PDB file of all heavy atoms in Angstrom:
ATOM      1  N   THR A   1       9.449  -5.293   1.315  1.00  0.00           N
ATOM      2  CA  THR A   1       9.425  -4.881  -0.181  1.00  0.00           C
ATOM      3  C   THR A   1       8.610  -6.009  -0.879  1.00  0.00           C
ATOM      4  O   THR A   1       8.496  -5.760  -2.274  1.00  0.00           O
ATOM      5  CB  THR A   1      10.879  -4.949  -0.667  1.00  0.00           C
ATOM      6  OG1 THR A   1      11.433  -6.326  -0.610  1.00  0.00           O
ATOM      7  CG2 THR A   1      11.757  -4.017   0.059  1.00  0.00           C
ATOM      8  N   ALA A   2       8.029  -6.951  -0.367  1.00  0.00           N
ATOM      9  CA  ALA A   2       7.128  -7.926  -0.941  1.00  0.00           C
ATOM     10  C   ALA A   2       5.881  -7.481  -1.155  1.00  0.00           C
ATOM     11  O   ALA A   2       4.762  -7.584  -0.425  1.00  0.00           O
ATOM     12  CB  ALA A   2       7.142  -9.220  -0.202  1.00  0.00           C
ATOM     13  N   VAL A   3       5.632  -6.545  -2.226  1.00  0.00           N
ATOM     14  CA  VAL A   3       4.275  -5.918  -2.440  1.00  0.00           C
ATOM     15  C   VAL A   3       3.232  -7.073  -2.787  1.00  0.00           C
ATOM     16  O   VAL A   3       3.578  -7.875  -3.430  1.00  0.00           O
ATOM     17  CB  VAL A   3       4.442  -5.054  -3.792  1.00  0.00           C
ATOM     18  CG1 VAL A   3       3.012  -4.360  -3.956  1.00  0.00           C
ATOM     19  CG2 VAL A   3       5.445  -3.972  -3.524  1.00  0.00           C
ATOM     20  N   PRO A   4       2.142  -6.913  -2.054  1.00  0.00           N
ATOM     21  CA  PRO A   4       1.063  -8.045  -2.223  1.00  0.00           C
ATOM     22  C   PRO A   4       0.639  -8.179  -3.716  1.00  0.00           C
ATOM     23  O   PRO A   4       0.503  -7.114  -4.398  1.00  0.00           O
ATOM     24  CB  PRO A   4      -0.027  -7.519  -1.391  1.00  0.00           C
ATOM     25  CG  PRO A   4       0.527  -6.663  -0.440  1.00  0.00           C
ATOM     26  CD  PRO A   4       1.733  -6.098  -0.979  1.00  0.00           C
ATOM     27  N   ASP A   5       0.540  -9.522  -4.103  1.00  0.00           N
ATOM     28  CA  ASP A   5       0.152  -9.748  -5.505  1.00  0.00           C
ATOM     29  C   ASP A   5      -1.221  -8.935  -5.799  1.00  0.00           C
ATOM     30  O   ASP A   5      -2.128  -8.914  -4.974  1.00  0.00           O
ATOM     31  CB  ASP A   5      -0.084 -11.268  -5.732  1.00  0.00           C
ATOM     32  CG  ASP A   5       1.122 -11.923  -5.807  1.00  0.00           C
ATOM     33  OD1 ASP A   5       2.214 -11.272  -6.041  1.00  0.00           O
ATOM     34  OD2 ASP A   5       1.271 -13.196  -5.544  1.00  0.00           O
ATOM     35  N   GLY A   6      -1.383  -8.347  -6.959  1.00  0.00           N
ATOM     36  CA  GLY A   6      -2.604  -7.762  -7.419  1.00  0.00           C
ATOM     37  C   GLY A   6      -2.775  -6.306  -6.845  1.00  0.00           C
ATOM     38  O   GLY A   6      -3.916  -5.872  -7.035  1.00  0.00           O
ATOM     39  N   LEU A   7      -1.972  -5.855  -5.911  1.00  0.00           N
ATOM     40  CA  LEU A   7      -2.141  -4.470  -5.426  1.00  0.00           C
ATOM     41  C   LEU A   7      -2.181  -3.470  -6.480  1.00  0.00           C
ATOM     42  O   LEU A   7      -1.235  -3.320  -7.178  1.00  0.00           O
ATOM     43  CB  LEU A   7      -1.140  -4.195  -4.408  1.00  0.00           C
ATOM     44  CG  LEU A   7      -1.262  -2.816  -3.653  1.00  0.00           C
ATOM     45  CD1 LEU A   7      -2.565  -2.652  -2.797  1.00  0.00           C
ATOM     46  CD2 LEU A   7      -0.102  -2.550  -2.746  1.00  0.00           C
ATOM     47  N   ALA A   8      -3.301  -2.764  -6.638  1.00  0.00           N
ATOM     48  CA  ALA A   8      -3.471  -1.661  -7.713  1.00  0.00           C
ATOM     49  C   ALA A   8      -4.341  -0.640  -7.201  1.00  0.00           C
ATOM     50  O   ALA A   8      -4.812  -0.748  -6.114  1.00  0.00           O
ATOM     51  CB  ALA A   8      -4.063  -2.306  -8.946  1.00  0.00           C
ATOM     52  N   SER A   9      -4.535   0.365  -7.950  1.00  0.00           N
ATOM     53  CA  SER A   9      -5.395   1.402  -7.544  1.00  0.00           C
ATOM     54  C   SER A   9      -4.926   2.194  -6.309  1.00  0.00           C
ATOM     55  O   SER A   9      -5.707   2.485  -5.520  1.00  0.00           O
ATOM     56  CB  SER A   9      -6.818   1.120  -7.525  1.00  0.00           C
ATOM     57  OG  SER A   9      -7.347   0.591  -8.720  1.00  0.00           O
ATOM     58  N   VAL A  10      -3.620   2.374  -6.221  1.00  0.00           N
ATOM     59  CA  VAL A  10      -3.006   2.927  -4.905  1.00  0.00           C
ATOM     60  C   VAL A  10      -3.017   4.377  -5.193  1.00  0.00           C
ATOM     61  O   VAL A  10      -2.537   4.974  -6.259  1.00  0.00           O
ATOM     62  CB  VAL A  10      -1.662   2.280  -4.660  1.00  0.00           C
ATOM     63  CG1 VAL A  10      -0.932   3.080  -3.559  1.00  0.00           C
ATOM     64  CG2 VAL A  10      -1.875   0.849  -4.447  1.00  0.00           C
ATOM     65  N   ALA A  11      -3.246   5.210  -4.154  1.00  0.00           N
ATOM     66  CA  ALA A  11      -3.254   6.728  -4.096  1.00  0.00           C
ATOM     67  C   ALA A  11      -2.043   7.192  -3.452  1.00  0.00           C
ATOM     68  O   ALA A  11      -1.607   8.336  -3.750  1.00  0.00           O
ATOM     69  CB  ALA A  11      -4.598   7.228  -3.641  1.00  0.00           C
ATOM     70  N   GLN A  12      -1.590   6.430  -2.490  1.00  0.00           N
ATOM     71  CA  GLN A  12      -0.432   6.930  -1.619  1.00  0.00           C
ATOM     72  C   GLN A  12       0.099   5.711  -0.913  1.00  0.00           C
ATOM     73  O   GLN A  12      -0.362   4.794  -0.614  1.00  0.00           O
ATOM     74  CB  GLN A  12      -1.020   7.854  -0.434  1.00  0.00           C
ATOM     75  CG  GLN A  12      -0.003   8.569   0.448  1.00  0.00           C
ATOM     76  CD  GLN A  12      -0.440   8.559   1.878  1.00  0.00           C
ATOM     77  OE1 GLN A  12      -1.463   8.522   2.240  1.00  0.00           O
ATOM     78  NE2 GLN A  12       0.611   8.658   2.769  1.00  0.00           N
ATOM     79  N   ILE A  13       1.481   5.899  -0.650  1.00  0.00           N
ATOM     80  CA  ILE A  13       2.294   4.903   0.039  1.00  0.00           C
ATOM     81  C   ILE A  13       3.028   5.614   1.199  1.00  0.00           C
ATOM     82  O   ILE A  13       3.326   6.714   1.178  1.00  0.00           O
ATOM     83  CB  ILE A  13       3.263   4.193  -0.978  1.00  0.00           C
ATOM     84  CG1 ILE A  13       4.247   5.264  -1.672  1.00  0.00           C
ATOM     85  CG2 ILE A  13       2.623   3.256  -1.961  1.00  0.00           C
ATOM     86  CD1 ILE A  13       5.412   4.576  -2.366  1.00  0.00           C
ATOM     87  N   SER A  14       3.284   4.646   2.088  1.00  0.00           N
ATOM     88  CA  SER A  14       4.151   5.263   3.308  1.00  0.00           C
ATOM     89  C   SER A  14       5.049   3.982   3.811  1.00  0.00           C
ATOM     90  O   SER A  14       4.505   2.962   4.071  1.00  0.00           O
ATOM     91  CB  SER A  14       3.322   5.725   4.384  1.00  0.00           C
ATOM     92  OG  SER A  14       4.159   6.230   5.436  1.00  0.00           O
ATOM     93  N   ALA A  15       6.373   4.205   3.784  1.00  0.00           N
ATOM     94  CA  ALA A  15       7.295   3.133   4.126  1.00  0.00           C
ATOM     95  C   ALA A  15       7.655   3.520   5.703  1.00  0.00           C
ATOM     96  O   ALA A  15       7.986   4.544   5.976  1.00  0.00           O
ATOM     97  CB  ALA A  15       8.539   3.023   3.334  1.00  0.00           C
ATOM     98  N   GLY A  16       7.579   2.484   6.535  1.00  0.00           N
ATOM     99  CA  GLY A  16       7.892   2.554   7.960  1.00  0.00           C
ATOM    100  C   GLY A  16       9.253   1.900   8.112  1.00  0.00           C
ATOM    101  O   GLY A  16      10.084   1.720   7.098  1.00  0.00           O
ATOM    102  N   TRP A  17       9.655   1.540   9.305  1.00  0.00           N
ATOM    103  CA  TRP A  17      10.981   1.018   9.685  1.00  0.00           C
ATOM    104  C   TRP A  17      11.154  -0.268   8.905  1.00  0.00           C
ATOM    105  O   TRP A  17      12.073  -0.385   8.227  1.00  0.00           O
ATOM    106  CB  TRP A  17      10.955   0.775  11.119  1.00  0.00           C
ATOM    107  CG  TRP A  17      12.371   0.581  11.752  1.00  0.00           C
ATOM    108  CD1 TRP A  17      12.803  -0.745  12.098  1.00  0.00           C
ATOM    109  CD2 TRP A  17      13.314   1.448  12.121  1.00  0.00           C
ATOM    110  NE1 TRP A  17      14.071  -0.456  12.616  1.00  0.00           N
ATOM    111  CE2 TRP A  17      14.373   0.738  12.654  1.00  0.00           C
ATOM    112  CE3 TRP A  17      13.428   2.834  11.945  1.00  0.00           C
ATOM    113  CZ2 TRP A  17      15.605   1.311  12.972  1.00  0.00           C
ATOM    114  CZ3 TRP A  17      14.573   3.406  12.354  1.00  0.00           C
ATOM    115  CH2 TRP A  17      15.536   2.638  12.875  1.00  0.00           C
ATOM    116  N   PHE A  18      10.273  -1.202   9.144  1.00  0.00           N
ATOM    117  CA  PHE A  18      10.283  -2.494   8.410  1.00  0.00           C
ATOM    118  C   PHE A  18       9.054  -2.971   7.849  1.00  0.00           C
ATOM    119  O   PHE A  18       8.770  -4.263   7.757  1.00  0.00           O
ATOM    120  CB  PHE A  18      10.827  -3.673   9.326  1.00  0.00           C
ATOM    121  CG  PHE A  18      12.236  -3.496   9.838  1.00  0.00           C
ATOM    122  CD1 PHE A  18      12.521  -3.532  11.309  1.00  0.00           C
ATOM    123  CD2 PHE A  18      13.289  -3.468   8.971  1.00  0.00           C
ATOM    124  CE1 PHE A  18      13.705  -3.257  11.775  1.00  0.00           C
ATOM    125  CE2 PHE A  18      14.560  -3.312   9.534  1.00  0.00           C
ATOM    126  CZ  PHE A  18      14.821  -3.248  10.849  1.00  0.00           C
ATOM    127  N   HIS A  19       8.179  -1.980   7.521  1.00  0.00           N
ATOM    128  CA  HIS A  19       6.809  -2.372   6.856  1.00  0.00           C
ATOM    129  C   HIS A  19       6.452  -1.168   5.978  1.00  0.00           C
ATOM    130  O   HIS A  19       7.101  -0.175   5.918  1.00  0.00           O
ATOM    131  CB  HIS A  19       5.837  -2.444   7.977  1.00  0.00           C
ATOM    132  CG  HIS A  19       5.451  -1.307   8.675  1.00  0.00           C
ATOM    133  ND1 HIS A  19       6.250  -0.671   9.659  1.00  0.00           N
ATOM    134  CD2 HIS A  19       4.245  -0.611   8.738  1.00  0.00           C
ATOM    135  CE1 HIS A  19       5.659   0.491  10.078  1.00  0.00           C
ATOM    136  NE2 HIS A  19       4.442   0.495   9.620  1.00  0.00           N
ATOM    137  N   THR A  20       5.454  -1.459   5.159  1.00  0.00           N
ATOM    138  CA  THR A  20       5.057  -0.548   4.233  1.00  0.00           C
ATOM    139  C   THR A  20       3.444  -0.592   4.161  1.00  0.00           C
ATOM    140  O   THR A  20       2.888  -1.728   4.249  1.00  0.00           O
ATOM    141  CB  THR A  20       5.644  -0.930   2.853  1.00  0.00           C
ATOM    142  OG1 THR A  20       6.951  -1.028   2.974  1.00  0.00           O
ATOM    143  CG2 THR A  20       5.294   0.107   1.738  1.00  0.00           C
ATOM    144  N   CYS A  21       2.858   0.622   3.920  1.00  0.00           N
ATOM    145  CA  CYS A  21       1.410   0.644   3.838  1.00  0.00           C
ATOM    146  C   CYS A  21       0.992   1.468   2.563  1.00  0.00           C
ATOM    147  O   CYS A  21       1.803   2.348   2.183  1.00  0.00           O
ATOM    148  CB  CYS A  21       0.737   1.291   4.954  1.00  0.00           C
ATOM    149  SG  CYS A  21       0.948   0.346   6.547  1.00  0.00           S
ATOM    150  N   ALA A  22      -0.094   0.983   2.020  1.00  0.00           N
ATOM    151  CA  ALA A  22      -0.712   1.773   0.766  1.00  0.00           C
ATOM    152  C   ALA A  22      -2.079   2.103   1.042  1.00  0.00           C
ATOM    153  O   ALA A  22      -2.814   1.253   1.396  1.00  0.00           O
ATOM    154  CB  ALA A  22      -0.464   0.792  -0.505  1.00  0.00           C
ATOM    155  N   LEU A  23      -2.354   3.306   0.648  1.00  0.00           N
ATOM    156  CA  LEU A  23      -3.805   3.683   0.705  1.00  0.00           C
ATOM    157  C   LEU A  23      -4.299   3.677  -0.873  1.00  0.00           C
ATOM    158  O   LEU A  23      -3.776   4.150  -1.738  1.00  0.00           O
ATOM    159  CB  LEU A  23      -3.975   5.259   1.005  1.00  0.00           C
ATOM    160  CG  LEU A  23      -5.240   6.024   0.902  1.00  0.00           C
ATOM    161  CD1 LEU A  23      -6.270   5.325   1.820  1.00  0.00           C
ATOM    162  CD2 LEU A  23      -5.103   7.468   1.311  1.00  0.00           C
ATOM    163  N   LYS A  24      -5.441   2.859  -0.836  1.00  0.00           N
ATOM    164  CA  LYS A  24      -6.039   2.669  -2.276  1.00  0.00           C
ATOM    165  C   LYS A  24      -7.026   3.760  -2.422  1.00  0.00           C
ATOM    166  O   LYS A  24      -7.540   4.410  -1.606  1.00  0.00           O
ATOM    167  CB  LYS A  24      -6.709   1.295  -2.226  1.00  0.00           C
ATOM    168  CG  LYS A  24      -5.672   0.160  -1.988  1.00  0.00           C
ATOM    169  CD  LYS A  24      -6.295  -1.238  -2.136  1.00  0.00           C
ATOM    170  CE  LYS A  24      -6.779  -1.390  -3.500  1.00  0.00           C
ATOM    171  NZ  LYS A  24      -7.370  -2.721  -3.740  1.00  0.00           N
ATOM    172  N   THR A  25      -7.320   3.923  -3.632  1.00  0.00           N
ATOM    173  CA  THR A  25      -8.299   4.949  -4.192  1.00  0.00           C
ATOM    174  C   THR A  25      -9.633   4.798  -3.561  1.00  0.00           C
ATOM    175  O   THR A  25     -10.473   5.685  -3.505  1.00  0.00           O
ATOM    176  CB  THR A  25      -8.304   5.147  -5.697  1.00  0.00           C
ATOM    177  OG1 THR A  25      -8.619   3.998  -6.246  1.00  0.00           O
ATOM    178  CG2 THR A  25      -7.019   5.534  -6.294  1.00  0.00           C
ATOM    179  N   ASP A  26      -9.918   3.635  -3.058  1.00  0.00           N
ATOM    180  CA  ASP A  26     -11.228   3.366  -2.564  1.00  0.00           C
ATOM    181  C   ASP A  26     -11.287   3.806  -1.118  1.00  0.00           C
ATOM    182  O   ASP A  26     -12.343   3.511  -0.384  1.00  0.00           O
ATOM    183  CB  ASP A  26     -11.805   1.959  -2.909  1.00  0.00           C
ATOM    184  CG  ASP A  26     -11.043   0.988  -2.149  1.00  0.00           C
ATOM    185  OD1 ASP A  26     -10.055   1.328  -1.393  1.00  0.00           O
ATOM    186  OD2 ASP A  26     -11.303  -0.377  -2.252  1.00  0.00           O
ATOM    187  N   GLY A  27     -10.256   4.340  -0.484  1.00  0.00           N
ATOM    188  CA  GLY A  27     -10.230   4.641   0.792  1.00  0.00           C
ATOM    189  C   GLY A  27      -9.832   3.442   1.904  1.00  0.00           C
ATOM    190  O   GLY A  27     -10.033   3.758   3.057  1.00  0.00           O
ATOM    191  N   THR A  28      -9.429   2.402   1.399  1.00  0.00           N
ATOM    192  CA  THR A  28      -8.936   1.239   2.203  1.00  0.00           C
ATOM    193  C   THR A  28      -7.406   1.174   2.220  1.00  0.00           C
ATOM    194  O   THR A  28      -6.812   1.819   1.321  1.00  0.00           O
ATOM    195  CB  THR A  28      -9.403  -0.152   1.760  1.00  0.00           C
ATOM    196  OG1 THR A  28      -9.049  -0.242   0.336  1.00  0.00           O
ATOM    197  CG2 THR A  28     -10.985  -0.097   1.664  1.00  0.00           C
ATOM    198  N   VAL A  29      -6.848   0.552   3.144  1.00  0.00           N
ATOM    199  CA  VAL A  29      -5.432   0.470   3.399  1.00  0.00           C
ATOM    200  C   VAL A  29      -4.848  -0.976   3.418  1.00  0.00           C
ATOM    201  O   VAL A  29      -5.607  -1.931   3.859  1.00  0.00           O
ATOM    202  CB  VAL A  29      -5.009   0.982   4.781  1.00  0.00           C
ATOM    203  CG1 VAL A  29      -3.592   0.922   5.036  1.00  0.00           C
ATOM    204  CG2 VAL A  29      -5.473   2.545   4.785  1.00  0.00           C
ATOM    205  N   VAL A  30      -3.793  -1.108   2.810  1.00  0.00           N
ATOM    206  CA  VAL A  30      -3.228  -2.467   2.722  1.00  0.00           C
ATOM    207  C   VAL A  30      -1.822  -2.261   3.161  1.00  0.00           C
ATOM    208  O   VAL A  30      -1.050  -1.297   2.876  1.00  0.00           O
ATOM    209  CB  VAL A  30      -3.121  -3.076   1.324  1.00  0.00           C
ATOM    210  CG1 VAL A  30      -2.340  -4.337   1.227  1.00  0.00           C
ATOM    211  CG2 VAL A  30      -4.546  -3.208   0.690  1.00  0.00           C
TER     212      VAL A  30
END
């Protein structure tokens, strides 16, 4: 749940078992 500082311009999120990923609008993933 510790969202990385400055994460913005997110288009989609997906929560896994103990991790989370975000797809940014520029087509990269965090």
